[in-house]
Amino acid sequence: VTLSRKTRLPTIKDRYSYRFGTALPNPDLEAEKSTTLEFGWVHRFGHWARLESAVFYSDIRDLIESVDINSDVYQLQNVGKVSSKGVELGGDVWLGDGWEAGGNYTYLKQENKSSDLKLTNVPEHKAQAWLTWHVTDPLSFTADTHYESERYTSSDGSREADSFTVFGLRAGYEFAQGWVGRLGVSNLSDENYAYQEGYPEAGRTWYGNLSYQF
């Protein structure tokens, strides 16, 4: 059980930047303050599964939010009182013969209690899942998927980014202790999706990398 109180201080950029002509400065921007109560639980089922969950509620005062002035310019403003509540679930399962699966889900509901302004860039549902096959000690293959529900991207509700689901595949190989190479593809289905309406993310993308962990 956790009770916390946090303050988000506006930066100089938040208060004074024109952001290349897309924003209006707001020197009077106040600090955002939140009080959060969270109940969490983690349980391991022997050596084959782990489950974790959390329920939380936040009371937020002077939330810093992007408010549209017109179709081209926005301003960061304190929008008053906001409540934020939700649930998080996650877990991993070890299936034997080198197979491992896992995932997590988040439900988040934010409510503006001070005005009719829409809260932006907050999807109500988010979920991820993955399945990994450890073919040998150094070689593994992973398939993953990521889902997010629709969200408002303008404070007047005129713009909304649609929900989306993307998939990915990845192969990994540990050449020596600490050295791991990976080859993969993200957005396998070449989904046309965006976190902010009008700014689409990359399509199908192939990648390769090599990393060393000390």
N, C-alpha and C. Protein backbone atom coordinates (compact mmCIF):
# COMPACT_ATOMS: atom_id res chain seq x y z
N VAL A 1 0.86 -1.18 0.00
CA VAL A 1 0.00 0.00 0.00
C VAL A 1 0.90 1.23 0.00
N THR A 2 0.65 2.14 -0.94
CA THR A 2 1.50 3.32 -1.08
C THR A 2 0.64 4.59 -1.12
N LEU A 3 1.01 5.57 -0.32
CA LEU A 3 0.40 6.89 -0.38
C LEU A 3 1.51 7.88 -0.71
N SER A 4 1.33 8.64 -1.78
CA SER A 4 2.39 9.56 -2.21
C SER A 4 1.81 10.91 -2.60
N ARG A 5 2.65 11.92 -2.50
CA ARG A 5 2.28 13.26 -2.96
C ARG A 5 3.44 13.78 -3.80
N LYS A 6 3.13 14.20 -5.02
CA LYS A 6 4.16 14.62 -5.94
C LYS A 6 3.82 15.99 -6.53
N THR A 7 4.87 16.72 -6.90
CA THR A 7 4.73 18.03 -7.52
C THR A 7 5.50 18.04 -8.83
N ARG A 8 4.84 18.46 -9.90
CA ARG A 8 5.49 18.63 -11.20
C ARG A 8 5.69 20.12 -11.42
N LEU A 9 6.94 20.56 -11.41
CA LEU A 9 7.24 21.97 -11.59
C LEU A 9 7.34 22.29 -13.08
N PRO A 10 6.68 23.33 -13.55
CA PRO A 10 6.80 23.72 -14.97
C PRO A 10 8.22 24.19 -15.27
N THR A 11 8.73 23.80 -16.42
CA THR A 11 10.08 24.19 -16.82
C THR A 11 10.06 25.59 -17.45
N ILE A 12 11.25 26.14 -17.66
CA ILE A 12 11.35 27.42 -18.36
C ILE A 12 10.75 27.29 -19.76
N LYS A 13 10.99 26.14 -20.42
CA LYS A 13 10.42 25.90 -21.74
C LYS A 13 8.90 25.89 -21.68
N ASP A 14 8.33 25.23 -20.65
CA ASP A 14 6.87 25.19 -20.51
C ASP A 14 6.28 26.59 -20.39
N ARG A 15 6.98 27.47 -19.70
CA ARG A 15 6.43 28.81 -19.41
C ARG A 15 6.69 29.83 -20.53
N TYR A 16 7.85 29.72 -21.19
CA TYR A 16 8.25 30.83 -22.06
C TYR A 16 8.47 30.47 -23.53
N SER A 17 8.45 29.19 -23.89
CA SER A 17 8.80 28.83 -25.26
C SER A 17 7.61 28.99 -26.21
N TYR A 18 7.89 29.50 -27.40
CA TYR A 18 6.90 29.55 -28.48
C TYR A 18 6.87 28.26 -29.28
N ARG A 19 7.84 27.34 -29.02
CA ARG A 19 7.91 26.03 -29.68
C ARG A 19 7.78 26.16 -31.20
N PHE A 20 8.65 27.00 -31.76
CA PHE A 20 8.71 27.22 -33.20
C PHE A 20 7.38 27.68 -33.79
N GLY A 21 6.68 28.53 -33.04
CA GLY A 21 5.45 29.12 -33.55
C GLY A 21 4.20 28.30 -33.33
N THR A 22 4.29 27.17 -32.62
CA THR A 22 3.12 26.31 -32.40
C THR A 22 2.46 26.53 -31.04
N ALA A 23 3.09 27.35 -30.17
CA ALA A 23 2.57 27.51 -28.81
C ALA A 23 2.65 28.96 -28.38
N LEU A 24 1.83 29.31 -27.38
CA LEU A 24 1.88 30.61 -26.73
C LEU A 24 2.49 30.43 -25.34
N PRO A 25 3.44 31.28 -24.95
CA PRO A 25 4.01 31.19 -23.61
C PRO A 25 2.96 31.42 -22.53
N ASN A 26 3.23 30.89 -21.33
CA ASN A 26 2.34 31.11 -20.19
C ASN A 26 3.21 31.28 -18.94
N PRO A 27 3.70 32.51 -18.69
CA PRO A 27 4.58 32.75 -17.53
C PRO A 27 3.92 32.47 -16.20
N ASP A 28 2.57 32.45 -16.16
CA ASP A 28 1.85 32.25 -14.90
C ASP A 28 1.54 30.78 -14.61
N LEU A 29 2.12 29.87 -15.39
CA LEU A 29 1.86 28.45 -15.21
C LEU A 29 2.30 28.00 -13.81
N GLU A 30 1.39 27.38 -13.08
CA GLU A 30 1.67 26.94 -11.71
C GLU A 30 2.11 25.48 -11.69
N ALA A 31 2.65 25.05 -10.57
CA ALA A 31 3.06 23.66 -10.40
C ALA A 31 1.84 22.74 -10.31
N GLU A 32 1.99 21.56 -10.87
CA GLU A 32 0.94 20.54 -10.81
C GLU A 32 1.18 19.67 -9.58
N LYS A 33 0.13 19.41 -8.79
CA LYS A 33 0.26 18.65 -7.55
C LYS A 33 -0.69 17.46 -7.56
N SER A 34 -0.19 16.30 -7.16
CA SER A 34 -1.04 15.09 -7.17
C SER A 34 -0.83 14.29 -5.89
N THR A 35 -1.92 13.72 -5.39
CA THR A 35 -1.88 12.81 -4.25
C THR A 35 -2.43 11.47 -4.73
N THR A 36 -1.65 10.40 -4.54
CA THR A 36 -1.99 9.09 -5.11
C THR A 36 -2.02 8.02 -4.02
N LEU A 37 -3.07 7.21 -4.06
CA LEU A 37 -3.19 6.04 -3.19
C LEU A 37 -3.20 4.80 -4.08
N GLU A 38 -2.32 3.84 -3.77
CA GLU A 38 -2.20 2.65 -4.60
C GLU A 38 -2.14 1.38 -3.74
N PHE A 39 -2.89 0.37 -4.18
CA PHE A 39 -2.85 -0.96 -3.57
C PHE A 39 -2.25 -1.92 -4.59
N GLY A 40 -1.15 -2.57 -4.26
CA GLY A 40 -0.51 -3.48 -5.20
C GLY A 40 -0.33 -4.86 -4.60
N TRP A 41 -0.26 -5.86 -5.47
CA TRP A 41 -0.11 -7.25 -5.03
C TRP A 41 0.71 -8.01 -6.06
N VAL A 42 1.69 -8.78 -5.59
CA VAL A 42 2.53 -9.61 -6.45
C VAL A 42 2.53 -11.02 -5.88
N HIS A 43 2.34 -12.01 -6.74
CA HIS A 43 2.33 -13.40 -6.28
C HIS A 43 3.06 -14.29 -7.30
N ARG A 44 3.87 -15.19 -6.81
CA ARG A 44 4.57 -16.16 -7.66
C ARG A 44 3.97 -17.54 -7.44
N PHE A 45 3.62 -18.20 -8.53
CA PHE A 45 3.06 -19.55 -8.50
C PHE A 45 4.20 -20.54 -8.77
N GLY A 46 4.85 -20.97 -7.71
CA GLY A 46 5.97 -21.90 -7.87
C GLY A 46 7.05 -21.30 -8.75
N HIS A 47 7.56 -22.13 -9.67
CA HIS A 47 8.60 -21.68 -10.60
C HIS A 47 8.07 -21.47 -12.01
N TRP A 48 6.74 -21.43 -12.18
CA TRP A 48 6.21 -21.39 -13.54
C TRP A 48 5.40 -20.13 -13.87
N ALA A 49 5.05 -19.31 -12.89
CA ALA A 49 4.23 -18.13 -13.21
C ALA A 49 4.40 -17.05 -12.14
N ARG A 50 4.19 -15.82 -12.58
CA ARG A 50 4.21 -14.67 -11.68
C ARG A 50 3.10 -13.71 -12.09
N LEU A 51 2.34 -13.22 -11.12
CA LEU A 51 1.23 -12.30 -11.38
C LEU A 51 1.38 -11.07 -10.50
N GLU A 52 1.16 -9.90 -11.08
CA GLU A 52 1.17 -8.67 -10.30
C GLU A 52 -0.03 -7.80 -10.69
N SER A 53 -0.54 -7.05 -9.73
CA SER A 53 -1.70 -6.21 -9.99
C SER A 53 -1.63 -4.97 -9.10
N ALA A 54 -2.33 -3.93 -9.52
CA ALA A 54 -2.38 -2.69 -8.75
C ALA A 54 -3.66 -1.95 -9.07
N VAL A 55 -4.21 -1.31 -8.05
CA VAL A 55 -5.36 -0.42 -8.19
C VAL A 55 -4.94 0.93 -7.62
N PHE A 56 -5.23 2.01 -8.33
CA PHE A 56 -4.75 3.32 -7.88
C PHE A 56 -5.79 4.41 -8.11
N TYR A 57 -5.65 5.47 -7.33
CA TYR A 57 -6.49 6.66 -7.49
C TYR A 57 -5.63 7.89 -7.21
N SER A 58 -5.69 8.87 -8.10
CA SER A 58 -4.93 10.11 -7.94
C SER A 58 -5.86 11.32 -7.94
N ASP A 59 -5.64 12.21 -7.01
CA ASP A 59 -6.33 13.49 -6.99
C ASP A 59 -5.31 14.53 -7.44
N ILE A 60 -5.56 15.16 -8.59
CA ILE A 60 -4.59 16.06 -9.21
C ILE A 60 -5.15 17.48 -9.19
N ARG A 61 -4.34 18.42 -8.73
CA ARG A 61 -4.72 19.84 -8.71
C ARG A 61 -3.80 20.61 -9.65
N ASP A 62 -4.38 21.56 -10.37
CA ASP A 62 -3.62 22.40 -11.32
C ASP A 62 -2.89 21.55 -12.36
N LEU A 63 -3.59 20.57 -12.91
CA LEU A 63 -3.01 19.73 -13.95
C LEU A 63 -2.51 20.59 -15.10
N ILE A 64 -1.28 20.35 -15.54
CA ILE A 64 -0.72 21.06 -16.69
C ILE A 64 -1.17 20.35 -17.96
N GLU A 65 -1.94 21.04 -18.79
CA GLU A 65 -2.56 20.43 -19.96
C GLU A 65 -2.37 21.33 -21.17
N SER A 66 -2.25 20.71 -22.33
CA SER A 66 -2.15 21.44 -23.59
C SER A 66 -3.55 21.86 -24.03
N VAL A 67 -3.81 23.16 -24.07
CA VAL A 67 -5.14 23.70 -24.41
C VAL A 67 -5.05 24.40 -25.76
N ASP A 68 -5.93 24.03 -26.69
CA ASP A 68 -5.92 24.62 -28.03
C ASP A 68 -6.47 26.04 -28.00
N ILE A 69 -5.67 26.98 -28.52
CA ILE A 69 -6.11 28.36 -28.68
C ILE A 69 -6.84 28.51 -30.01
N ASN A 70 -6.28 27.93 -31.07
CA ASN A 70 -6.94 27.81 -32.37
C ASN A 70 -6.38 26.55 -33.03
N SER A 71 -6.62 26.39 -34.33
CA SER A 71 -6.21 25.16 -35.01
C SER A 71 -4.70 25.03 -35.15
N ASP A 72 -3.97 26.14 -34.95
CA ASP A 72 -2.52 26.12 -35.17
C ASP A 72 -1.69 26.30 -33.90
N VAL A 73 -2.28 26.84 -32.85
CA VAL A 73 -1.52 27.22 -31.66
C VAL A 73 -2.19 26.67 -30.41
N TYR A 74 -1.36 26.20 -29.46
CA TYR A 74 -1.86 25.75 -28.16
C TYR A 74 -1.09 26.46 -27.05
N GLN A 75 -1.56 26.29 -25.83
CA GLN A 75 -0.89 26.86 -24.67
C GLN A 75 -0.99 25.88 -23.51
N LEU A 76 0.09 25.73 -22.76
CA LEU A 76 0.05 24.92 -21.54
C LEU A 76 -0.63 25.72 -20.44
N GLN A 77 -1.71 25.14 -19.87
CA GLN A 77 -2.48 25.82 -18.84
C GLN A 77 -2.75 24.88 -17.68
N ASN A 78 -3.05 25.46 -16.52
CA ASN A 78 -3.54 24.68 -15.38
C ASN A 78 -5.05 24.56 -15.51
N VAL A 79 -5.54 23.32 -15.63
CA VAL A 79 -6.96 23.14 -15.93
C VAL A 79 -7.79 22.87 -14.68
N GLY A 80 -7.21 22.92 -13.48
CA GLY A 80 -8.01 22.77 -12.27
C GLY A 80 -7.86 21.40 -11.64
N LYS A 81 -8.99 20.81 -11.27
CA LYS A 81 -8.99 19.55 -10.54
C LYS A 81 -9.30 18.39 -11.47
N VAL A 82 -8.49 17.34 -11.38
CA VAL A 82 -8.66 16.15 -12.22
C VAL A 82 -8.50 14.92 -11.34
N SER A 83 -9.34 13.91 -11.57
CA SER A 83 -9.17 12.62 -10.91
C SER A 83 -8.66 11.60 -11.91
N SER A 84 -7.81 10.73 -11.45
CA SER A 84 -7.23 9.69 -12.30
C SER A 84 -7.28 8.38 -11.53
N LYS A 85 -7.94 7.39 -12.10
CA LYS A 85 -8.07 6.10 -11.42
C LYS A 85 -7.88 4.98 -12.42
N GLY A 86 -7.44 3.84 -11.94
CA GLY A 86 -7.22 2.75 -12.88
C GLY A 86 -6.75 1.47 -12.23
N VAL A 87 -6.48 0.50 -13.11
CA VAL A 87 -6.05 -0.84 -12.71
C VAL A 87 -4.91 -1.26 -13.62
N GLU A 88 -3.92 -1.92 -13.05
CA GLU A 88 -2.82 -2.49 -13.83
C GLU A 88 -2.71 -3.98 -13.50
N LEU A 89 -2.59 -4.79 -14.55
CA LEU A 89 -2.41 -6.23 -14.40
C LEU A 89 -1.24 -6.68 -15.26
N GLY A 90 -0.44 -7.60 -14.78
CA GLY A 90 0.69 -8.09 -15.56
C GLY A 90 1.13 -9.44 -15.06
N GLY A 91 1.87 -10.14 -15.91
CA GLY A 91 2.35 -11.45 -15.48
C GLY A 91 3.24 -12.12 -16.50
N ASP A 92 3.89 -13.17 -16.06
CA ASP A 92 4.76 -13.99 -16.91
C ASP A 92 4.45 -15.45 -16.61
N VAL A 93 4.55 -16.28 -17.66
CA VAL A 93 4.33 -17.71 -17.52
C VAL A 93 5.48 -18.44 -18.21
N TRP A 94 6.10 -19.37 -17.51
CA TRP A 94 7.15 -20.21 -18.08
C TRP A 94 6.54 -21.57 -18.42
N LEU A 95 6.45 -21.86 -19.72
CA LEU A 95 5.66 -22.99 -20.21
C LEU A 95 6.45 -24.27 -20.35
N GLY A 96 7.74 -24.24 -20.12
CA GLY A 96 8.56 -25.42 -20.30
C GLY A 96 9.04 -25.55 -21.73
N ASP A 97 10.06 -26.37 -21.93
CA ASP A 97 10.66 -26.60 -23.26
C ASP A 97 11.11 -25.29 -23.91
N GLY A 98 11.53 -24.32 -23.09
CA GLY A 98 12.06 -23.08 -23.62
C GLY A 98 11.04 -22.02 -23.97
N TRP A 99 9.76 -22.23 -23.66
CA TRP A 99 8.72 -21.26 -24.01
C TRP A 99 8.40 -20.37 -22.81
N GLU A 100 8.24 -19.08 -23.09
CA GLU A 100 7.90 -18.09 -22.07
C GLU A 100 6.90 -17.10 -22.65
N ALA A 101 5.87 -16.76 -21.90
CA ALA A 101 4.85 -15.81 -22.35
C ALA A 101 4.59 -14.79 -21.26
N GLY A 102 4.12 -13.62 -21.67
CA GLY A 102 3.82 -12.59 -20.68
C GLY A 102 2.97 -11.49 -21.27
N GLY A 103 2.55 -10.60 -20.42
CA GLY A 103 1.74 -9.48 -20.89
C GLY A 103 1.37 -8.55 -19.76
N ASN A 104 0.80 -7.42 -20.12
CA ASN A 104 0.30 -6.48 -19.12
C ASN A 104 -0.85 -5.69 -19.72
N TYR A 105 -1.70 -5.19 -18.84
CA TYR A 105 -2.88 -4.43 -19.24
C TYR A 105 -3.06 -3.27 -18.27
N THR A 106 -3.41 -2.09 -18.80
CA THR A 106 -3.67 -0.92 -17.97
C THR A 106 -5.00 -0.29 -18.36
N TYR A 107 -5.85 -0.07 -17.37
CA TYR A 107 -7.08 0.69 -17.55
C TYR A 107 -6.89 2.01 -16.81
N LEU A 108 -7.07 3.14 -17.51
CA LEU A 108 -6.87 4.46 -16.91
C LEU A 108 -8.04 5.36 -17.29
N LYS A 109 -8.69 5.90 -16.28
CA LYS A 109 -9.82 6.80 -16.48
C LYS A 109 -9.51 8.14 -15.83
N GLN A 110 -9.41 9.18 -16.66
CA GLN A 110 -9.18 10.52 -16.15
C GLN A 110 -10.44 11.37 -16.36
N GLU A 111 -10.78 12.16 -15.34
CA GLU A 111 -11.98 12.98 -15.40
C GLU A 111 -11.64 14.42 -15.00
N ASN A 112 -11.99 15.35 -15.88
CA ASN A 112 -11.81 16.77 -15.60
C ASN A 112 -13.02 17.25 -14.80
N LYS A 113 -12.79 17.60 -13.53
CA LYS A 113 -13.87 18.00 -12.66
C LYS A 113 -14.07 19.50 -12.61
N SER A 114 -13.27 20.25 -13.37
CA SER A 114 -13.33 21.70 -13.30
C SER A 114 -13.95 22.36 -14.54
N SER A 115 -13.90 21.67 -15.69
CA SER A 115 -14.40 22.28 -16.91
C SER A 115 -14.73 21.19 -17.92
N ASP A 116 -15.15 21.62 -19.13
CA ASP A 116 -15.48 20.68 -20.20
C ASP A 116 -14.28 20.37 -21.09
N LEU A 117 -13.11 20.89 -20.78
CA LEU A 117 -11.92 20.61 -21.58
C LEU A 117 -11.61 19.12 -21.60
N LYS A 118 -11.32 18.60 -22.79
CA LYS A 118 -10.95 17.21 -22.93
C LYS A 118 -9.48 17.02 -22.53
N LEU A 119 -9.22 15.97 -21.79
CA LEU A 119 -7.84 15.65 -21.42
C LEU A 119 -7.21 14.86 -22.55
N THR A 120 -6.04 15.28 -23.00
CA THR A 120 -5.47 14.75 -24.23
C THR A 120 -4.40 13.70 -23.98
N ASN A 121 -4.19 12.88 -25.02
CA ASN A 121 -3.10 11.90 -25.08
C ASN A 121 -3.14 10.88 -23.96
N VAL A 122 -4.36 10.51 -23.53
CA VAL A 122 -4.52 9.52 -22.47
C VAL A 122 -5.46 8.41 -22.95
N PRO A 123 -4.93 7.29 -23.46
CA PRO A 123 -5.80 6.18 -23.86
C PRO A 123 -6.39 5.50 -22.63
N GLU A 124 -7.63 5.08 -22.73
CA GLU A 124 -8.29 4.43 -21.60
C GLU A 124 -7.79 3.00 -21.40
N HIS A 125 -7.39 2.34 -22.49
CA HIS A 125 -6.93 0.96 -22.42
C HIS A 125 -5.58 0.82 -23.12
N LYS A 126 -4.67 0.09 -22.50
CA LYS A 126 -3.38 -0.25 -23.10
C LYS A 126 -3.06 -1.69 -22.74
N ALA A 127 -2.53 -2.44 -23.71
CA ALA A 127 -2.19 -3.83 -23.44
C ALA A 127 -1.00 -4.25 -24.28
N GLN A 128 -0.18 -5.13 -23.74
CA GLN A 128 0.95 -5.71 -24.43
C GLN A 128 1.00 -7.20 -24.12
N ALA A 129 1.48 -7.97 -25.08
CA ALA A 129 1.67 -9.40 -24.87
C ALA A 129 2.85 -9.87 -25.70
N TRP A 130 3.55 -10.90 -25.23
CA TRP A 130 4.69 -11.43 -25.96
C TRP A 130 4.83 -12.93 -25.70
N LEU A 131 5.47 -13.58 -26.66
CA LEU A 131 5.74 -15.02 -26.56
C LEU A 131 7.16 -15.24 -27.05
N THR A 132 7.98 -15.89 -26.22
CA THR A 132 9.39 -16.11 -26.55
C THR A 132 9.69 -17.61 -26.56
N TRP A 133 10.43 -18.03 -27.59
CA TRP A 133 10.89 -19.41 -27.68
C TRP A 133 12.42 -19.40 -27.59
N HIS A 134 12.93 -19.97 -26.50
CA HIS A 134 14.37 -20.10 -26.33
C HIS A 134 14.79 -21.42 -26.99
N VAL A 135 15.19 -21.33 -28.25
CA VAL A 135 15.53 -22.53 -29.02
C VAL A 135 16.73 -23.22 -28.39
N THR A 136 17.77 -22.46 -28.10
CA THR A 136 18.94 -22.93 -27.36
C THR A 136 19.29 -21.83 -26.36
N ASP A 137 20.31 -22.05 -25.57
CA ASP A 137 20.71 -21.02 -24.61
C ASP A 137 21.03 -19.68 -25.29
N PRO A 138 21.76 -19.67 -26.42
CA PRO A 138 22.05 -18.37 -27.03
C PRO A 138 20.99 -17.85 -27.99
N LEU A 139 20.11 -18.70 -28.53
CA LEU A 139 19.19 -18.30 -29.61
C LEU A 139 17.75 -18.27 -29.12
N SER A 140 17.05 -17.16 -29.46
CA SER A 140 15.64 -17.06 -29.08
C SER A 140 14.88 -16.29 -30.15
N PHE A 141 13.56 -16.58 -30.22
CA PHE A 141 12.65 -15.87 -31.11
C PHE A 141 11.50 -15.31 -30.28
N THR A 142 11.08 -14.08 -30.60
CA THR A 142 10.01 -13.43 -29.83
C THR A 142 8.99 -12.82 -30.77
N ALA A 143 7.71 -13.04 -30.46
CA ALA A 143 6.60 -12.35 -31.13
C ALA A 143 5.89 -11.49 -30.10
N ASP A 144 5.54 -10.26 -30.46
CA ASP A 144 4.89 -9.37 -29.51
C ASP A 144 3.79 -8.57 -30.19
N THR A 145 2.88 -8.06 -29.39
CA THR A 145 1.80 -7.22 -29.88
C THR A 145 1.52 -6.12 -28.87
N HIS A 146 1.04 -4.98 -29.38
CA HIS A 146 0.80 -3.81 -28.54
C HIS A 146 -0.51 -3.16 -28.99
N TYR A 147 -1.39 -2.88 -28.04
CA TYR A 147 -2.70 -2.28 -28.34
C TYR A 147 -2.90 -1.03 -27.47
N GLU A 148 -3.47 0.02 -28.08
CA GLU A 148 -3.90 1.20 -27.34
C GLU A 148 -5.24 1.67 -27.91
N SER A 149 -6.13 2.08 -27.02
CA SER A 149 -7.45 2.56 -27.45
C SER A 149 -7.35 4.00 -27.94
N GLU A 150 -8.46 4.52 -28.45
CA GLU A 150 -8.48 5.88 -28.99
C GLU A 150 -8.22 6.90 -27.89
N ARG A 151 -7.80 8.12 -28.28
CA ARG A 151 -7.53 9.19 -27.33
C ARG A 151 -7.79 10.54 -28.00
N TYR A 152 -8.18 11.51 -27.19
CA TYR A 152 -8.31 12.88 -27.70
C TYR A 152 -6.92 13.47 -27.86
N THR A 153 -6.72 14.21 -28.95
CA THR A 153 -5.46 14.91 -29.15
C THR A 153 -5.68 16.43 -29.25
N SER A 154 -6.88 16.88 -28.97
CA SER A 154 -7.17 18.31 -28.87
C SER A 154 -8.11 18.53 -27.70
N SER A 155 -7.94 19.65 -26.99
CA SER A 155 -8.69 19.90 -25.77
C SER A 155 -10.17 20.18 -26.02
N ASP A 156 -10.54 20.51 -27.27
CA ASP A 156 -11.96 20.73 -27.58
C ASP A 156 -12.64 19.47 -28.11
N GLY A 157 -11.90 18.37 -28.23
CA GLY A 157 -12.47 17.11 -28.67
C GLY A 157 -12.64 16.99 -30.17
N SER A 158 -12.12 17.96 -30.94
CA SER A 158 -12.30 17.92 -32.39
C SER A 158 -11.35 16.95 -33.08
N ARG A 159 -10.25 16.58 -32.41
CA ARG A 159 -9.29 15.65 -33.02
C ARG A 159 -9.10 14.46 -32.10
N GLU A 160 -9.09 13.29 -32.70
CA GLU A 160 -8.98 12.06 -31.93
C GLU A 160 -8.14 11.06 -32.70
N ALA A 161 -7.16 10.45 -32.04
CA ALA A 161 -6.36 9.40 -32.64
C ALA A 161 -7.06 8.07 -32.44
N ASP A 162 -7.19 7.28 -33.51
CA ASP A 162 -7.90 6.02 -33.45
C ASP A 162 -7.13 4.98 -32.64
N SER A 163 -7.84 3.96 -32.20
CA SER A 163 -7.19 2.82 -31.55
C SER A 163 -6.35 2.06 -32.56
N PHE A 164 -5.39 1.30 -32.09
CA PHE A 164 -4.53 0.56 -33.00
C PHE A 164 -3.95 -0.67 -32.31
N THR A 165 -3.53 -1.63 -33.14
CA THR A 165 -2.82 -2.82 -32.68
C THR A 165 -1.66 -3.05 -33.63
N VAL A 166 -0.46 -3.19 -33.10
CA VAL A 166 0.71 -3.46 -33.93
C VAL A 166 1.39 -4.73 -33.44
N PHE A 167 2.11 -5.38 -34.37
CA PHE A 167 2.79 -6.64 -34.09
C PHE A 167 4.27 -6.52 -34.43
N GLY A 168 5.06 -7.37 -33.80
CA GLY A 168 6.49 -7.38 -34.08
C GLY A 168 7.08 -8.76 -33.93
N LEU A 169 8.20 -9.01 -34.61
CA LEU A 169 8.95 -10.26 -34.50
C LEU A 169 10.42 -9.91 -34.27
N ARG A 170 11.10 -10.74 -33.46
CA ARG A 170 12.51 -10.45 -33.16
C ARG A 170 13.25 -11.76 -32.93
N ALA A 171 14.48 -11.83 -33.42
CA ALA A 171 15.38 -12.95 -33.14
C ALA A 171 16.59 -12.40 -32.39
N GLY A 172 17.02 -13.10 -31.37
CA GLY A 172 18.18 -12.67 -30.59
C GLY A 172 19.18 -13.80 -30.44
N TYR A 173 20.47 -13.42 -30.46
CA TYR A 173 21.52 -14.43 -30.31
C TYR A 173 22.63 -13.86 -29.44
N GLU A 174 23.01 -14.61 -28.39
CA GLU A 174 24.09 -14.20 -27.50
C GLU A 174 25.39 -14.85 -27.98
N PHE A 175 26.24 -14.02 -28.60
CA PHE A 175 27.47 -14.53 -29.18
C PHE A 175 28.49 -14.93 -28.12
N ALA A 176 28.59 -14.14 -27.10
CA ALA A 176 29.49 -14.39 -25.98
C ALA A 176 28.87 -13.74 -24.76
N GLN A 177 29.46 -13.96 -23.61
CA GLN A 177 28.87 -13.43 -22.39
C GLN A 177 28.78 -11.90 -22.46
N GLY A 178 27.57 -11.39 -22.44
CA GLY A 178 27.34 -9.95 -22.50
C GLY A 178 27.03 -9.42 -23.88
N TRP A 179 27.45 -10.10 -24.94
CA TRP A 179 27.21 -9.65 -26.33
C TRP A 179 25.96 -10.30 -26.90
N VAL A 180 25.00 -9.46 -27.32
CA VAL A 180 23.73 -9.96 -27.87
C VAL A 180 23.43 -9.23 -29.17
N GLY A 181 23.15 -9.99 -30.23
CA GLY A 181 22.72 -9.41 -31.48
C GLY A 181 21.24 -9.66 -31.71
N ARG A 182 20.56 -8.71 -32.33
CA ARG A 182 19.12 -8.84 -32.55
C ARG A 182 18.78 -8.41 -33.97
N LEU A 183 17.87 -9.15 -34.60
CA LEU A 183 17.28 -8.80 -35.88
C LEU A 183 15.77 -8.87 -35.73
N GLY A 184 15.06 -7.89 -36.29
CA GLY A 184 13.61 -7.93 -36.10
C GLY A 184 12.87 -7.01 -37.04
N VAL A 185 11.56 -7.05 -36.93
CA VAL A 185 10.68 -6.18 -37.70
C VAL A 185 9.59 -5.67 -36.75
N SER A 186 9.36 -4.37 -36.76
CA SER A 186 8.28 -3.77 -35.98
C SER A 186 7.17 -3.31 -36.91
N ASN A 187 5.96 -3.22 -36.36
CA ASN A 187 4.77 -2.89 -37.15
C ASN A 187 4.68 -3.84 -38.36
N LEU A 188 4.66 -5.13 -38.05
CA LEU A 188 4.71 -6.17 -39.07
C LEU A 188 3.62 -6.04 -40.11
N SER A 189 2.41 -5.66 -39.70
CA SER A 189 1.28 -5.56 -40.62
C SER A 189 1.22 -4.22 -41.34
N ASP A 190 2.23 -3.36 -41.16
CA ASP A 190 2.29 -2.05 -41.80
C ASP A 190 1.05 -1.21 -41.47
N GLU A 191 0.66 -1.23 -40.18
CA GLU A 191 -0.52 -0.51 -39.72
C GLU A 191 -0.31 1.01 -39.83
N ASN A 192 -1.33 1.72 -40.28
CA ASN A 192 -1.31 3.19 -40.32
C ASN A 192 -1.89 3.69 -38.99
N TYR A 193 -1.02 4.05 -38.05
CA TYR A 193 -1.49 4.44 -36.72
C TYR A 193 -0.75 5.69 -36.25
N ALA A 194 -1.30 6.32 -35.20
CA ALA A 194 -0.71 7.55 -34.68
C ALA A 194 -1.03 7.67 -33.20
N TYR A 195 -0.08 8.21 -32.44
CA TYR A 195 -0.33 8.57 -31.05
C TYR A 195 -1.00 9.94 -30.97
N GLN A 196 -0.77 10.78 -31.98
CA GLN A 196 -1.40 12.09 -32.07
C GLN A 196 -1.96 12.25 -33.47
N GLU A 197 -3.24 12.59 -33.56
CA GLU A 197 -3.93 12.68 -34.86
C GLU A 197 -3.17 13.62 -35.79
N GLY A 198 -2.93 13.13 -37.02
CA GLY A 198 -2.21 13.92 -38.00
C GLY A 198 -0.72 13.70 -38.03
N TYR A 199 -0.19 12.89 -37.11
CA TYR A 199 1.25 12.61 -37.06
C TYR A 199 1.47 11.10 -37.04
N PRO A 200 1.35 10.44 -38.20
CA PRO A 200 1.43 8.97 -38.24
C PRO A 200 2.81 8.46 -37.85
N GLU A 201 2.83 7.30 -37.23
CA GLU A 201 4.07 6.63 -36.87
C GLU A 201 4.63 5.89 -38.08
N ALA A 202 5.84 5.36 -37.92
CA ALA A 202 6.50 4.66 -39.01
C ALA A 202 5.74 3.39 -39.39
N GLY A 203 5.83 3.03 -40.67
CA GLY A 203 5.23 1.78 -41.13
C GLY A 203 6.12 0.60 -40.77
N ARG A 204 6.03 -0.47 -41.56
CA ARG A 204 6.83 -1.66 -41.29
C ARG A 204 8.31 -1.29 -41.31
N THR A 205 9.03 -1.66 -40.25
CA THR A 205 10.42 -1.25 -40.09
C THR A 205 11.28 -2.45 -39.72
N TRP A 206 12.35 -2.66 -40.48
CA TRP A 206 13.32 -3.72 -40.18
C TRP A 206 14.49 -3.10 -39.42
N TYR A 207 15.04 -3.83 -38.47
CA TYR A 207 16.15 -3.28 -37.69
C TYR A 207 17.11 -4.40 -37.26
N GLY A 208 18.30 -4.00 -36.93
CA GLY A 208 19.30 -4.89 -36.37
C GLY A 208 20.16 -4.12 -35.40
N ASN A 209 20.56 -4.76 -34.31
CA ASN A 209 21.43 -4.07 -33.35
C ASN A 209 22.32 -5.08 -32.63
N LEU A 210 23.37 -4.58 -32.06
CA LEU A 210 24.32 -5.36 -31.27
C LEU A 210 24.57 -4.62 -29.98
N SER A 211 24.45 -5.30 -28.85
CA SER A 211 24.61 -4.65 -27.56
C SER A 211 25.53 -5.47 -26.65
N TYR A 212 26.14 -4.76 -25.72
CA TYR A 212 26.98 -5.42 -24.72
C TYR A 212 26.54 -4.94 -23.34
N GLN A 213 26.30 -5.89 -22.46
CA GLN A 213 25.87 -5.56 -21.10
C GLN A 213 26.97 -5.95 -20.12
N PHE A 214 27.42 -4.95 -19.36
CA PHE A 214 28.48 -5.19 -18.38
C PHE A 214 27.95 -6.00 -17.19
